[in-house]
N, C-alpha and C. Protein backbone atom coordinates (compact mmCIF):
# COMPACT_ATOMS: atom_id res chain seq x y z
N MET A 1 86.28 88.61 107.14
CA MET A 1 87.48 88.56 107.96
C MET A 1 88.35 89.77 107.63
N GLU A 2 88.90 90.36 108.66
CA GLU A 2 89.81 91.49 108.47
C GLU A 2 91.24 90.98 108.41
N ASN A 3 92.06 91.73 107.71
CA ASN A 3 93.46 91.37 107.56
C ASN A 3 94.36 92.45 108.13
N ILE A 4 95.50 92.03 108.68
CA ILE A 4 96.56 92.96 108.98
C ILE A 4 97.80 92.49 108.24
N ILE A 5 98.63 93.43 107.90
CA ILE A 5 99.91 93.12 107.27
C ILE A 5 100.99 93.36 108.31
N TYR A 6 101.88 92.40 108.44
CA TYR A 6 102.99 92.47 109.38
C TYR A 6 104.29 92.42 108.57
N LEU A 7 105.05 93.50 108.63
CA LEU A 7 106.34 93.55 107.92
C LEU A 7 107.45 93.78 108.93
N ASN A 8 108.51 92.97 108.86
CA ASN A 8 109.60 93.12 109.81
C ASN A 8 110.92 93.49 109.13
N SER A 9 110.84 93.90 107.87
CA SER A 9 112.02 94.32 107.15
C SER A 9 111.59 95.26 106.03
N GLU A 10 112.48 96.15 105.63
CA GLU A 10 112.13 97.05 104.53
C GLU A 10 112.23 96.34 103.18
N SER A 11 112.78 95.15 103.18
CA SER A 11 112.86 94.37 101.95
C SER A 11 112.36 92.96 102.22
N ILE A 12 111.99 92.28 101.16
CA ILE A 12 111.46 90.92 101.29
C ILE A 12 112.50 89.93 100.77
N GLY A 13 112.72 88.89 101.53
CA GLY A 13 113.62 87.82 101.11
C GLY A 13 115.06 88.06 101.55
N VAL A 14 115.88 87.06 101.29
CA VAL A 14 117.29 87.11 101.64
C VAL A 14 118.09 87.11 100.36
N GLY A 15 119.12 87.92 100.33
CA GLY A 15 119.95 88.02 99.13
C GLY A 15 120.11 89.48 98.76
N SER A 16 119.69 89.82 97.58
CA SER A 16 119.83 91.18 97.06
C SER A 16 118.90 92.14 97.80
N GLU A 17 119.49 93.16 98.43
CA GLU A 17 118.70 94.19 99.11
C GLU A 17 117.87 94.97 98.09
N GLU A 18 118.46 95.27 96.95
CA GLU A 18 117.75 96.01 95.90
C GLU A 18 116.52 95.23 95.41
N LEU A 19 116.70 93.94 95.15
CA LEU A 19 115.58 93.10 94.74
C LEU A 19 114.53 93.02 95.85
N GLY A 20 114.97 92.90 97.09
CA GLY A 20 114.06 92.82 98.22
C GLY A 20 113.18 94.05 98.34
N LYS A 21 113.73 95.22 98.05
CA LYS A 21 112.94 96.45 98.09
C LYS A 21 111.93 96.48 96.95
N ILE A 22 112.31 95.99 95.79
CA ILE A 22 111.36 95.89 94.68
C ILE A 22 110.22 94.95 95.06
N LEU A 23 110.56 93.84 95.69
CA LEU A 23 109.55 92.87 96.10
C LEU A 23 108.60 93.44 97.16
N SER A 24 109.13 94.22 98.10
CA SER A 24 108.26 94.79 99.13
C SER A 24 107.26 95.76 98.50
N ARG A 25 107.71 96.55 97.54
CA ARG A 25 106.80 97.45 96.83
C ARG A 25 105.76 96.66 96.05
N ASN A 26 106.21 95.63 95.33
CA ASN A 26 105.28 94.81 94.54
C ASN A 26 104.27 94.09 95.43
N PHE A 27 104.71 93.64 96.60
CA PHE A 27 103.81 92.98 97.54
C PHE A 27 102.67 93.93 97.94
N LEU A 28 103.02 95.14 98.35
CA LEU A 28 102.00 96.10 98.77
C LEU A 28 101.10 96.51 97.60
N LEU A 29 101.69 96.71 96.43
CA LEU A 29 100.88 97.05 95.25
C LEU A 29 99.91 95.93 94.89
N THR A 30 100.35 94.69 95.04
CA THR A 30 99.49 93.54 94.73
C THR A 30 98.33 93.45 95.72
N ILE A 31 98.60 93.69 96.98
CA ILE A 31 97.52 93.70 97.99
C ILE A 31 96.47 94.72 97.57
N LYS A 32 96.92 95.92 97.16
CA LYS A 32 95.98 96.97 96.72
C LYS A 32 95.24 96.54 95.46
N ALA A 33 95.97 96.03 94.47
CA ALA A 33 95.37 95.68 93.18
C ALA A 33 94.34 94.56 93.31
N GLU A 34 94.57 93.65 94.23
CA GLU A 34 93.65 92.53 94.44
C GLU A 34 92.50 92.89 95.36
N ASN A 35 92.45 94.15 95.80
CA ASN A 35 91.39 94.63 96.69
C ASN A 35 91.25 93.79 97.95
N ILE A 36 92.37 93.35 98.47
CA ILE A 36 92.36 92.60 99.73
C ILE A 36 92.10 93.59 100.86
N LYS A 37 91.08 93.31 101.66
CA LYS A 37 90.70 94.21 102.75
C LYS A 37 91.77 94.17 103.84
N VAL A 38 92.29 95.33 104.17
CA VAL A 38 93.33 95.45 105.19
C VAL A 38 92.87 96.44 106.25
N LYS A 39 92.99 96.04 107.50
CA LYS A 39 92.62 96.90 108.62
C LYS A 39 93.82 97.73 109.09
N ALA A 40 94.99 97.09 109.15
CA ALA A 40 96.18 97.78 109.66
C ALA A 40 97.44 97.17 109.08
N ILE A 41 98.48 97.97 109.06
CA ILE A 41 99.82 97.51 108.68
C ILE A 41 100.73 97.81 109.86
N PHE A 42 101.40 96.76 110.35
CA PHE A 42 102.35 96.92 111.44
C PHE A 42 103.77 96.79 110.89
N LEU A 43 104.59 97.79 111.18
CA LEU A 43 105.97 97.83 110.72
C LEU A 43 106.90 97.72 111.93
N VAL A 44 107.75 96.71 111.93
CA VAL A 44 108.71 96.52 113.01
C VAL A 44 110.11 96.37 112.43
N ASN A 45 111.10 96.51 113.29
CA ASN A 45 112.50 96.46 112.92
C ASN A 45 112.74 97.41 111.75
N SER A 46 113.52 97.00 110.73
CA SER A 46 113.85 97.93 109.65
C SER A 46 112.65 98.27 108.75
N ALA A 47 111.53 97.59 108.93
CA ALA A 47 110.33 97.92 108.15
C ALA A 47 109.82 99.32 108.48
N VAL A 48 110.19 99.88 109.63
CA VAL A 48 109.76 101.25 109.95
C VAL A 48 110.31 102.25 108.94
N LYS A 49 111.39 101.89 108.27
CA LYS A 49 111.96 102.77 107.24
C LYS A 49 110.99 102.96 106.08
N LEU A 50 110.06 102.01 105.92
CA LEU A 50 109.07 102.11 104.86
C LEU A 50 108.13 103.30 105.07
N ALA A 51 107.94 103.72 106.30
CA ALA A 51 107.04 104.82 106.61
C ALA A 51 107.78 106.14 106.79
N SER A 52 109.07 106.16 106.51
CA SER A 52 109.85 107.38 106.69
C SER A 52 109.83 108.25 105.43
N GLU A 53 110.32 109.46 105.57
CA GLU A 53 110.23 110.48 104.53
C GLU A 53 110.74 110.06 103.15
N LYS A 54 111.79 109.29 103.07
CA LYS A 54 112.39 108.94 101.78
C LYS A 54 112.09 107.51 101.33
N SER A 55 111.04 106.96 101.82
CA SER A 55 110.68 105.57 101.53
C SER A 55 110.30 105.36 100.07
N HIS A 56 110.65 104.19 99.55
CA HIS A 56 110.30 103.82 98.17
C HIS A 56 108.86 103.33 98.05
N VAL A 57 108.15 103.23 99.17
CA VAL A 57 106.74 102.81 99.14
C VAL A 57 105.81 103.83 99.78
N LEU A 58 106.29 105.02 100.01
CA LEU A 58 105.50 106.03 100.69
C LEU A 58 104.20 106.32 99.97
N ASP A 59 104.23 106.35 98.65
CA ASP A 59 103.01 106.60 97.88
C ASP A 59 101.98 105.49 98.07
N VAL A 60 102.46 104.26 98.12
CA VAL A 60 101.55 103.12 98.31
C VAL A 60 100.95 103.15 99.72
N LEU A 61 101.78 103.44 100.71
CA LEU A 61 101.26 103.55 102.08
C LEU A 61 100.24 104.68 102.17
N GLY A 62 100.47 105.77 101.45
CA GLY A 62 99.50 106.86 101.41
C GLY A 62 98.17 106.41 100.86
N ASP A 63 98.21 105.55 99.83
CA ASP A 63 96.97 105.00 99.27
C ASP A 63 96.23 104.16 100.30
N PHE A 64 96.97 103.35 101.06
CA PHE A 64 96.35 102.56 102.12
C PHE A 64 95.69 103.49 103.15
N ILE A 65 96.40 104.52 103.56
CA ILE A 65 95.85 105.46 104.55
C ILE A 65 94.58 106.11 104.01
N ASN A 66 94.60 106.50 102.73
CA ASN A 66 93.40 107.10 102.12
C ASN A 66 92.21 106.15 102.12
N ASP A 67 92.49 104.86 102.14
CA ASP A 67 91.43 103.84 102.20
C ASP A 67 91.01 103.52 103.64
N GLY A 68 91.60 104.22 104.61
CA GLY A 68 91.22 104.01 106.00
C GLY A 68 92.07 102.99 106.75
N VAL A 69 93.14 102.52 106.13
CA VAL A 69 94.02 101.54 106.79
C VAL A 69 94.93 102.28 107.77
N LYS A 70 95.05 101.74 108.96
CA LYS A 70 95.95 102.29 109.98
C LYS A 70 97.34 101.72 109.77
N ILE A 71 98.34 102.56 109.86
CA ILE A 71 99.72 102.12 109.74
C ILE A 71 100.44 102.47 111.03
N TYR A 72 101.02 101.45 111.65
CA TYR A 72 101.71 101.62 112.91
C TYR A 72 103.17 101.22 112.77
N SER A 73 104.06 102.12 113.13
CA SER A 73 105.50 101.83 113.16
C SER A 73 105.93 101.66 114.60
N CYS A 74 106.65 100.61 114.87
CA CYS A 74 107.15 100.31 116.21
C CYS A 74 107.93 101.51 116.76
N GLY A 75 107.48 102.04 117.90
CA GLY A 75 108.13 103.20 118.51
C GLY A 75 109.57 102.93 118.90
N THR A 76 109.82 101.76 119.47
CA THR A 76 111.19 101.40 119.85
C THR A 76 112.08 101.34 118.62
N CYS A 77 111.56 100.80 117.53
CA CYS A 77 112.32 100.68 116.28
C CYS A 77 112.58 102.07 115.67
N LEU A 78 111.59 102.94 115.72
CA LEU A 78 111.78 104.31 115.23
C LEU A 78 112.90 104.99 116.00
N ASP A 79 112.91 104.82 117.33
CA ASP A 79 113.99 105.39 118.15
C ASP A 79 115.34 104.81 117.76
N TYR A 80 115.39 103.49 117.60
CA TYR A 80 116.64 102.80 117.29
C TYR A 80 117.26 103.32 115.99
N PHE A 81 116.42 103.52 114.97
CA PHE A 81 116.92 103.99 113.67
C PHE A 81 116.94 105.51 113.55
N GLY A 82 116.58 106.23 114.61
CA GLY A 82 116.58 107.69 114.58
C GLY A 82 115.55 108.27 113.63
N LEU A 83 114.39 107.62 113.54
CA LEU A 83 113.37 108.03 112.58
C LEU A 83 112.10 108.60 113.20
N LYS A 84 112.08 108.77 114.50
CA LYS A 84 110.83 109.19 115.15
C LYS A 84 110.30 110.51 114.58
N ASP A 85 111.19 111.42 114.24
CA ASP A 85 110.75 112.71 113.69
C ASP A 85 110.71 112.70 112.16
N LYS A 86 110.94 111.55 111.54
CA LYS A 86 110.94 111.45 110.08
C LYS A 86 109.81 110.56 109.55
N ILE A 87 108.89 110.18 110.42
CA ILE A 87 107.78 109.34 110.01
C ILE A 87 106.84 110.16 109.11
N ALA A 88 106.52 109.62 107.94
CA ALA A 88 105.72 110.34 106.96
C ALA A 88 104.41 109.64 106.62
N ALA A 89 104.24 108.44 107.14
CA ALA A 89 102.99 107.69 106.91
C ALA A 89 102.61 106.96 108.18
N GLY A 90 101.40 107.17 108.63
CA GLY A 90 100.93 106.47 109.82
C GLY A 90 101.39 107.12 111.10
N GLU A 91 101.50 106.29 112.13
CA GLU A 91 101.82 106.80 113.46
C GLU A 91 102.63 105.77 114.23
N PRO A 92 103.32 106.23 115.29
CA PRO A 92 104.05 105.27 116.12
C PRO A 92 103.07 104.32 116.81
N GLY A 93 103.49 103.09 116.92
CA GLY A 93 102.70 102.06 117.60
C GLY A 93 103.53 101.44 118.70
N ASN A 94 103.00 100.35 119.27
CA ASN A 94 103.74 99.66 120.33
C ASN A 94 103.39 98.18 120.30
N MET A 95 104.11 97.42 121.11
CA MET A 95 103.91 95.97 121.15
C MET A 95 102.52 95.60 121.67
N LYS A 96 101.98 96.42 122.56
CA LYS A 96 100.65 96.13 123.10
C LYS A 96 99.61 96.11 121.98
N ALA A 97 99.66 97.10 121.09
CA ALA A 97 98.72 97.15 119.97
C ALA A 97 98.95 95.99 119.00
N LEU A 98 100.22 95.66 118.75
CA LEU A 98 100.53 94.54 117.86
C LEU A 98 100.04 93.23 118.44
N CYS A 99 100.32 92.99 119.72
CA CYS A 99 99.88 91.74 120.36
C CYS A 99 98.36 91.63 120.39
N ALA A 100 97.69 92.74 120.63
CA ALA A 100 96.22 92.73 120.65
C ALA A 100 95.68 92.37 119.27
N ALA A 101 96.27 92.93 118.23
CA ALA A 101 95.83 92.63 116.86
C ALA A 101 96.09 91.18 116.51
N LEU A 102 97.24 90.67 116.89
CA LEU A 102 97.59 89.28 116.58
C LEU A 102 96.71 88.30 117.34
N ALA A 103 96.21 88.70 118.51
CA ALA A 103 95.37 87.81 119.31
C ALA A 103 93.91 87.82 118.89
N ASP A 104 93.52 88.79 118.07
CA ASP A 104 92.13 88.91 117.63
C ASP A 104 91.79 87.78 116.66
N GLU A 105 90.82 86.97 117.01
CA GLU A 105 90.45 85.80 116.20
C GLU A 105 89.85 86.17 114.86
N LYS A 106 89.41 87.42 114.71
CA LYS A 106 88.80 87.84 113.45
C LYS A 106 89.83 88.40 112.48
N ILE A 107 91.07 88.42 112.89
CA ILE A 107 92.14 89.00 112.08
C ILE A 107 92.96 87.90 111.44
N HIS A 108 93.29 88.08 110.18
CA HIS A 108 94.20 87.19 109.47
C HIS A 108 95.46 87.98 109.18
N VAL A 109 96.60 87.44 109.56
CA VAL A 109 97.87 88.14 109.37
C VAL A 109 98.45 87.76 108.01
N ILE A 110 98.78 88.77 107.22
CA ILE A 110 99.42 88.57 105.93
C ILE A 110 100.90 88.90 106.10
N LYS A 111 101.75 87.90 105.91
CA LYS A 111 103.20 88.12 105.96
C LYS A 111 103.78 87.64 104.64
N PRO A 112 104.59 88.47 104.00
CA PRO A 112 105.19 88.03 102.73
C PRO A 112 106.20 86.92 102.95
């Protein structure tokens, strides 16, 4: 079974933003460390900041890319946050690609 990761925020959980960013990094590092097979990572809403130039997880996303994982950042979200020209990992995506991936019966969605 193939997995996709769906992130809709640059941090995980509610409360401390700083802690949430630590958790998002730890989540991605744990996926890598456990050798969980990932086909794609979809970033929506503020999660697109994770793929931008100054991201605290850019190195981890680079490792995923080196392993052949596709990383898609929502194009509408990139426009909203003014990040379209600052994307440093992966490529712009769209809802059509996300919906197609979510509808695929062979895909398991990993959400923190």
